[in-house]
Amino acid sequence: MKNFLITQGCTATYSLIGAVGKHFNYGTNPSFNHHNRNANNVAFTEESRVVYIFCNPYDYVLSCFRRWENTDGVRSHNQQCGGDNEYYVSKNYKGLKDFLSDPYDSFKYKEHADGYLYNDQRKYNLLFAKYEVLSEYGIKPILDFWNLDNDPDCFKFRQRSSNWKNESQEIKDLLEFKYGDVMKWYEELPLMQELK
């Protein structure tokens, strides 16, 4: 296996799987966790080409809660991404507002991204990209990085339902309280960067 897609979720992952899934870990090794936190996973070799794509922390949290707030899904997703799963047991959170009122980030959102971006033991090629790259360029940068000649039109960008700008002022304030510094970090990152 050469090509990998790593996400924290909420980044059109299943649209990418539908478009080119057979060309990366999802199709070639579906048991590989595409939310994997370990940037030095033994599956990554010197020949590997890893795409890490993620969205801003505000929309990420909103998307997680929009999808799974009334189920055990937020905890389950957090566990898949290697976050602090005990938080959901000990905190006994009561939904999005309660979660955002606590400054502790059980998703460990930035740490997940940092593990790939600032990995000084990386032995593979990495395309580190923001979700917005898909709206700007579609799937073409990913196809180029993976040396695939698929038609870029095989992927259709669809605007996400979760958009923090559409939230109430109360939710915006809570998002800033919990993730304001991380959002600033995210906004200052380049749209995409290729690293070795």
C-alpha atoms as a PDB file:
ATOM      1  CA  MET A   1       0.000   0.000   0.000  1.00  0.00           C
ATOM      2  CA  LYS A   2       1.408   3.346  -1.029  1.00  0.00           C
ATOM      3  CA  ASN A   3      -1.304   6.002  -0.835  1.00  0.00           C
ATOM      4  CA  PHE A   4      -2.964   6.994   2.425  1.00  0.00           C
ATOM      5  CA  LEU A   5      -5.703   9.451   3.323  1.00  0.00           C
ATOM      6  CA  ILE A   6      -5.723  10.623   6.941  1.00  0.00           C
ATOM      7  CA  THR A   7      -8.457  12.857   8.320  1.00  0.00           C
ATOM      8  CA  GLN A   8     -10.006  13.720  11.648  1.00  0.00           C
ATOM      9  CA  GLY A   9     -13.331  13.314   9.873  1.00  0.00           C
ATOM     10  CA  CYS A  10     -15.864  15.891   8.692  1.00  0.00           C
ATOM     11  CA  THR A  11     -13.794  16.632   5.551  1.00  0.00           C
ATOM     12  CA  ALA A  12     -15.738  14.988   2.696  1.00  0.00           C
ATOM     13  CA  THR A  13     -13.984  11.731   3.532  1.00  0.00           C
ATOM     14  CA  TYR A  14     -16.725   9.518   2.147  1.00  0.00           C
ATOM     15  CA  SER A  15     -17.002  11.600  -1.026  1.00  0.00           C
ATOM     16  CA  LEU A  16     -13.264  11.082  -1.522  1.00  0.00           C
ATOM     17  CA  ILE A  17     -13.699   7.376  -0.847  1.00  0.00           C
ATOM     18  CA  GLY A  18     -16.487   7.242  -3.425  1.00  0.00           C
ATOM     19  CA  ALA A  19     -14.341   9.039  -5.998  1.00  0.00           C
ATOM     20  CA  VAL A  20     -10.935   7.380  -5.594  1.00  0.00           C
ATOM     21  CA  GLY A  21     -11.185   5.048  -2.596  1.00  0.00           C
ATOM     22  CA  LYS A  22      -9.672   2.092  -4.404  1.00  0.00           C
ATOM     23  CA  HIS A  23      -6.431   4.071  -4.817  1.00  0.00           C
ATOM     24  CA  PHE A  24      -5.689   4.633  -1.135  1.00  0.00           C
ATOM     25  CA  ASN A  25      -5.868   2.838   2.198  1.00  0.00           C
ATOM     26  CA  TYR A  26      -9.663   2.691   2.274  1.00  0.00           C
ATOM     27  CA  GLY A  27      -9.880   0.487  -0.816  1.00  0.00           C
ATOM     28  CA  THR A  28      -6.589  -1.348  -0.506  1.00  0.00           C
ATOM     29  CA  ASN A  29      -6.738  -1.963   3.247  1.00  0.00           C
ATOM     30  CA  PRO A  30     -10.149  -1.013   4.665  1.00  0.00           C
ATOM     31  CA  SER A  31      -9.141  -2.153   8.156  1.00  0.00           C
ATOM     32  CA  PHE A  32      -6.616   0.725   8.359  1.00  0.00           C
ATOM     33  CA  ASN A  33      -8.118   3.521  10.466  1.00  0.00           C
ATOM     34  CA  HIS A  34      -8.149   6.654   8.298  1.00  0.00           C
ATOM     35  CA  HIS A  35      -8.414   8.719  11.507  1.00  0.00           C
ATOM     36  CA  ASN A  36      -5.082   7.282  12.685  1.00  0.00           C
ATOM     37  CA  ARG A  37      -3.274   9.596  15.119  1.00  0.00           C
ATOM     38  CA  ASN A  38       0.087   7.836  14.801  1.00  0.00           C
ATOM     39  CA  ALA A  39       2.083   9.811  12.213  1.00  0.00           C
ATOM     40  CA  ASN A  40       4.772   7.126  12.305  1.00  0.00           C
ATOM     41  CA  ASN A  41       2.489   4.145  11.804  1.00  0.00           C
ATOM     42  CA  VAL A  42       4.402   1.082  10.632  1.00  0.00           C
ATOM     43  CA  ALA A  43       2.183   0.984   7.527  1.00  0.00           C
ATOM     44  CA  PHE A  44       3.846   4.207   6.311  1.00  0.00           C
ATOM     45  CA  THR A  45       7.004   3.431   4.334  1.00  0.00           C
ATOM     46  CA  GLU A  46       9.464   5.603   2.456  1.00  0.00           C
ATOM     47  CA  GLU A  47       7.379   5.019  -0.674  1.00  0.00           C
ATOM     48  CA  SER A  48       4.145   6.115   1.024  1.00  0.00           C
ATOM     49  CA  ARG A  49       2.316   9.238  -0.066  1.00  0.00           C
ATOM     50  CA  VAL A  50       0.123  10.454   2.781  1.00  0.00           C
ATOM     51  CA  VAL A  51      -2.589  13.061   2.338  1.00  0.00           C
ATOM     52  CA  TYR A  52      -3.674  14.689   5.608  1.00  0.00           C
ATOM     53  CA  ILE A  53      -6.780  16.814   5.166  1.00  0.00           C
ATOM     54  CA  PHE A  54      -8.678  18.597   7.921  1.00  0.00           C
ATOM     55  CA  CYS A  55     -11.172  21.384   8.449  1.00  0.00           C
ATOM     56  CA  ASN A  56     -11.170  24.327  10.835  1.00  0.00           C
ATOM     57  CA  PRO A  57     -11.817  23.459  14.488  1.00  0.00           C
ATOM     58  CA  TYR A  58     -15.108  25.374  14.691  1.00  0.00           C
ATOM     59  CA  ASP A  59     -16.775  23.525  11.823  1.00  0.00           C
ATOM     60  CA  TYR A  60     -15.197  20.252  12.930  1.00  0.00           C
ATOM     61  CA  VAL A  61     -16.825  20.358  16.357  1.00  0.00           C
ATOM     62  CA  LEU A  62     -20.140  21.591  14.968  1.00  0.00           C
ATOM     63  CA  SER A  63     -20.159  18.805  12.396  1.00  0.00           C
ATOM     64  CA  CYS A  64     -19.413  16.141  15.012  1.00  0.00           C
ATOM     65  CA  PHE A  65     -22.208  17.336  17.254  1.00  0.00           C
ATOM     66  CA  ARG A  66     -24.637  17.900  14.383  1.00  0.00           C
ATOM     67  CA  ARG A  67     -24.168  14.303  13.279  1.00  0.00           C
ATOM     68  CA  TRP A  68     -23.980  12.511  16.592  1.00  0.00           C
ATOM     69  CA  GLU A  69     -25.091  14.670  19.532  1.00  0.00           C
ATOM     70  CA  ASN A  70     -28.127  12.545  20.373  1.00  0.00           C
ATOM     71  CA  THR A  71     -26.220   9.269  20.133  1.00  0.00           C
ATOM     72  CA  ASP A  72     -23.014   7.862  21.507  1.00  0.00           C
ATOM     73  CA  GLY A  73     -21.412   8.870  18.208  1.00  0.00           C
ATOM     74  CA  VAL A  74     -19.414  11.854  19.454  1.00  0.00           C
ATOM     75  CA  ARG A  75     -17.651   9.619  21.968  1.00  0.00           C
ATOM     76  CA  SER A  76     -17.169   6.887  19.375  1.00  0.00           C
ATOM     77  CA  HIS A  77     -15.741   9.307  16.799  1.00  0.00           C
ATOM     78  CA  ASN A  78     -13.466  10.801  19.447  1.00  0.00           C
ATOM     79  CA  GLN A  79     -12.214   7.287  20.224  1.00  0.00           C
ATOM     80  CA  GLN A  80     -11.539   6.522  16.531  1.00  0.00           C
ATOM     81  CA  CYS A  81      -9.425   9.672  16.319  1.00  0.00           C
ATOM     82  CA  GLY A  82      -7.446   8.765  19.437  1.00  0.00           C
ATOM     83  CA  GLY A  83      -8.843  11.533  21.615  1.00  0.00           C
ATOM     84  CA  ASP A  84      -9.506  11.400  25.342  1.00  0.00           C
ATOM     85  CA  ASN A  85     -12.390   8.968  25.465  1.00  0.00           C
ATOM     86  CA  GLU A  86     -12.552   8.921  29.263  1.00  0.00           C
ATOM     87  CA  TYR A  87     -13.641  12.554  29.153  1.00  0.00           C
ATOM     88  CA  TYR A  88     -17.101  11.536  27.969  1.00  0.00           C
ATOM     89  CA  VAL A  89     -17.503   9.144  30.861  1.00  0.00           C
ATOM     90  CA  SER A  90     -16.140  11.402  33.587  1.00  0.00           C
ATOM     91  CA  LYS A  91     -17.534  14.705  32.328  1.00  0.00           C
ATOM     92  CA  ASN A  92     -21.018  13.438  31.525  1.00  0.00           C
ATOM     93  CA  TYR A  93     -21.387  16.302  29.080  1.00  0.00           C
ATOM     94  CA  LYS A  94     -24.847  17.600  28.181  1.00  0.00           C
ATOM     95  CA  GLY A  95     -24.405  18.545  24.534  1.00  0.00           C
ATOM     96  CA  LEU A  96     -22.621  21.123  22.435  1.00  0.00           C
ATOM     97  CA  LYS A  97     -22.923  24.148  24.751  1.00  0.00           C
ATOM     98  CA  ASP A  98     -21.702  22.171  27.728  1.00  0.00           C
ATOM     99  CA  PHE A  99     -18.805  20.761  25.681  1.00  0.00           C
ATOM    100  CA  LEU A 100     -17.793  24.226  24.437  1.00  0.00           C
ATOM    101  CA  SER A 101     -18.000  25.722  27.936  1.00  0.00           C
ATOM    102  CA  ASP A 102     -15.171  23.450  29.082  1.00  0.00           C
ATOM    103  CA  PRO A 103     -11.759  24.693  27.845  1.00  0.00           C
ATOM    104  CA  TYR A 104     -10.363  21.140  27.723  1.00  0.00           C
ATOM    105  CA  ASP A 105     -10.269  19.702  24.176  1.00  0.00           C
ATOM    106  CA  SER A 106     -10.978  15.996  24.448  1.00  0.00           C
ATOM    107  CA  PHE A 107     -10.745  15.668  20.655  1.00  0.00           C
ATOM    108  CA  LYS A 108      -7.106  16.786  20.893  1.00  0.00           C
ATOM    109  CA  TYR A 109      -7.721  18.356  17.512  1.00  0.00           C
ATOM    110  CA  LYS A 110      -4.496  20.355  17.197  1.00  0.00           C
ATOM    111  CA  GLU A 111      -2.331  17.563  18.594  1.00  0.00           C
ATOM    112  CA  HIS A 112      -3.682  15.224  15.894  1.00  0.00           C
ATOM    113  CA  ALA A 113      -2.695  17.673  13.141  1.00  0.00           C
ATOM    114  CA  ASP A 114       0.611  18.617  14.793  1.00  0.00           C
ATOM    115  CA  GLY A 115       1.623  14.967  14.889  1.00  0.00           C
ATOM    116  CA  TYR A 116       1.694  14.907  11.099  1.00  0.00           C
ATOM    117  CA  LEU A 117       2.741  18.475  10.356  1.00  0.00           C
ATOM    118  CA  TYR A 118       5.684  18.687  12.759  1.00  0.00           C
ATOM    119  CA  ASN A 119       6.839  15.068  12.583  1.00  0.00           C
ATOM    120  CA  ASP A 120      10.646  15.124  12.545  1.00  0.00           C
ATOM    121  CA  GLN A 121      10.735  11.334  12.043  1.00  0.00           C
ATOM    122  CA  ARG A 122       8.633  11.377   8.867  1.00  0.00           C
ATOM    123  CA  LYS A 123      10.021   9.081   6.188  1.00  0.00           C
ATOM    124  CA  TYR A 124       7.207   9.521   3.657  1.00  0.00           C
ATOM    125  CA  ASN A 125       5.870  12.297   1.462  1.00  0.00           C
ATOM    126  CA  LEU A 126       3.048  14.283   3.040  1.00  0.00           C
ATOM    127  CA  LEU A 127       0.449  16.553   1.482  1.00  0.00           C
ATOM    128  CA  PHE A 128      -0.914  18.552   4.417  1.00  0.00           C
ATOM    129  CA  ALA A 129      -4.075  20.305   3.284  1.00  0.00           C
ATOM    130  CA  LYS A 130      -6.956  22.316   4.635  1.00  0.00           C
ATOM    131  CA  TYR A 131     -10.485  21.284   3.711  1.00  0.00           C
ATOM    132  CA  GLU A 132     -10.797  24.477   1.657  1.00  0.00           C
ATOM    133  CA  VAL A 133      -8.387  23.025  -0.910  1.00  0.00           C
ATOM    134  CA  LEU A 134     -11.308  20.877  -2.108  1.00  0.00           C
ATOM    135  CA  SER A 135     -13.496  23.909  -2.786  1.00  0.00           C
ATOM    136  CA  GLU A 136     -10.650  25.817  -4.464  1.00  0.00           C
ATOM    137  CA  TYR A 137      -9.104  23.057  -6.579  1.00  0.00           C
ATOM    138  CA  GLY A 138     -11.300  19.998  -6.199  1.00  0.00           C
ATOM    139  CA  ILE A 139      -9.478  16.686  -6.014  1.00  0.00           C
ATOM    140  CA  LYS A 140      -6.750  17.589  -8.527  1.00  0.00           C
ATOM    141  CA  PRO A 141      -3.959  18.303  -5.981  1.00  0.00           C
ATOM    142  CA  ILE A 142      -4.603  14.918  -4.370  1.00  0.00           C
ATOM    143  CA  LEU A 143      -4.628  13.105  -7.710  1.00  0.00           C
ATOM    144  CA  ASP A 144      -1.385  14.836  -8.701  1.00  0.00           C
ATOM    145  CA  PHE A 145       0.248  14.015  -5.368  1.00  0.00           C
ATOM    146  CA  TRP A 146      -0.720  10.355  -5.710  1.00  0.00           C
ATOM    147  CA  ASN A 147       0.329  10.328  -9.383  1.00  0.00           C
ATOM    148  CA  LEU A 148      -3.141   9.256 -10.501  1.00  0.00           C
ATOM    149  CA  ASP A 149      -4.556  10.105 -13.897  1.00  0.00           C
ATOM    150  CA  ASN A 150      -8.216   9.893 -12.838  1.00  0.00           C
ATOM    151  CA  ASP A 151     -10.605  12.516 -14.136  1.00  0.00           C
ATOM    152  CA  PRO A 152     -10.730  15.294 -11.487  1.00  0.00           C
ATOM    153  CA  ASP A 153     -14.466  15.588 -12.160  1.00  0.00           C
ATOM    154  CA  CYS A 154     -14.947  12.221 -10.436  1.00  0.00           C
ATOM    155  CA  PHE A 155     -15.220  14.284  -7.228  1.00  0.00           C
ATOM    156  CA  LYS A 156     -17.917  16.890  -6.731  1.00  0.00           C
ATOM    157  CA  PHE A 157     -17.364  19.349  -3.900  1.00  0.00           C
ATOM    158  CA  ARG A 158     -20.443  19.830  -1.760  1.00  0.00           C
ATOM    159  CA  GLN A 159     -20.615  22.674   0.743  1.00  0.00           C
ATOM    160  CA  ARG A 160     -20.832  21.324   4.274  1.00  0.00           C
ATOM    161  CA  SER A 161     -23.948  21.815   6.390  1.00  0.00           C
ATOM    162  CA  SER A 162     -21.917  22.891   9.409  1.00  0.00           C
ATOM    163  CA  ASN A 163     -20.709  26.463   9.117  1.00  0.00           C
ATOM    164  CA  TRP A 164     -19.821  28.329  12.291  1.00  0.00           C
ATOM    165  CA  LYS A 165     -20.642  31.663  10.637  1.00  0.00           C
ATOM    166  CA  ASN A 166     -24.321  30.655  10.599  1.00  0.00           C
ATOM    167  CA  GLU A 167     -24.437  29.972  14.344  1.00  0.00           C
ATOM    168  CA  SER A 168     -25.896  32.171  17.073  1.00  0.00           C
ATOM    169  CA  GLN A 169     -23.629  34.712  18.748  1.00  0.00           C
ATOM    170  CA  GLU A 170     -23.669  32.542  21.876  1.00  0.00           C
ATOM    171  CA  ILE A 171     -22.245  29.560  19.983  1.00  0.00           C
ATOM    172  CA  LYS A 172     -19.712  31.755  18.176  1.00  0.00           C
ATOM    173  CA  ASP A 173     -18.518  33.109  21.532  1.00  0.00           C
ATOM    174  CA  LEU A 174     -18.230  29.601  22.976  1.00  0.00           C
ATOM    175  CA  LEU A 175     -16.308  28.383  19.923  1.00  0.00           C
ATOM    176  CA  GLU A 176     -13.896  31.276  20.335  1.00  0.00           C
ATOM    177  CA  PHE A 177     -13.562  30.560  24.063  1.00  0.00           C
ATOM    178  CA  LYS A 178     -12.608  26.930  23.471  1.00  0.00           C
ATOM    179  CA  TYR A 179     -10.873  26.985  20.095  1.00  0.00           C
ATOM    180  CA  GLY A 180     -10.021  30.633  19.360  1.00  0.00           C
ATOM    181  CA  ASP A 181      -6.236  30.179  19.503  1.00  0.00           C
ATOM    182  CA  VAL A 182      -6.435  26.990  17.464  1.00  0.00           C
ATOM    183  CA  MET A 183      -8.625  28.696  14.867  1.00  0.00           C
ATOM    184  CA  LYS A 184      -6.055  31.477  14.540  1.00  0.00           C
ATOM    185  CA  TRP A 185      -3.337  28.827  14.023  1.00  0.00           C
ATOM    186  CA  TYR A 186      -5.478  27.082  11.400  1.00  0.00           C
ATOM    187  CA  GLU A 187      -6.176  30.314   9.504  1.00  0.00           C
ATOM    188  CA  GLU A 188      -2.461  31.125   9.356  1.00  0.00           C
ATOM    189  CA  LEU A 189      -1.564  27.783   7.766  1.00  0.00           C
ATOM    190  CA  PRO A 190      -1.056  27.649   4.008  1.00  0.00           C
ATOM    191  CA  LEU A 191      -3.912  26.097   2.039  1.00  0.00           C
ATOM    192  CA  MET A 192      -1.715  23.085   1.349  1.00  0.00           C
ATOM    193  CA  GLN A 193       1.916  22.151   1.679  1.00  0.00           C
ATOM    194  CA  GLU A 194       3.942  19.218   0.450  1.00  0.00           C
ATOM    195  CA  LEU A 195       6.482  17.961   2.959  1.00  0.00           C
ATOM    196  CA  LYS A 196       9.067  15.194   3.134  1.00  0.00           C
END
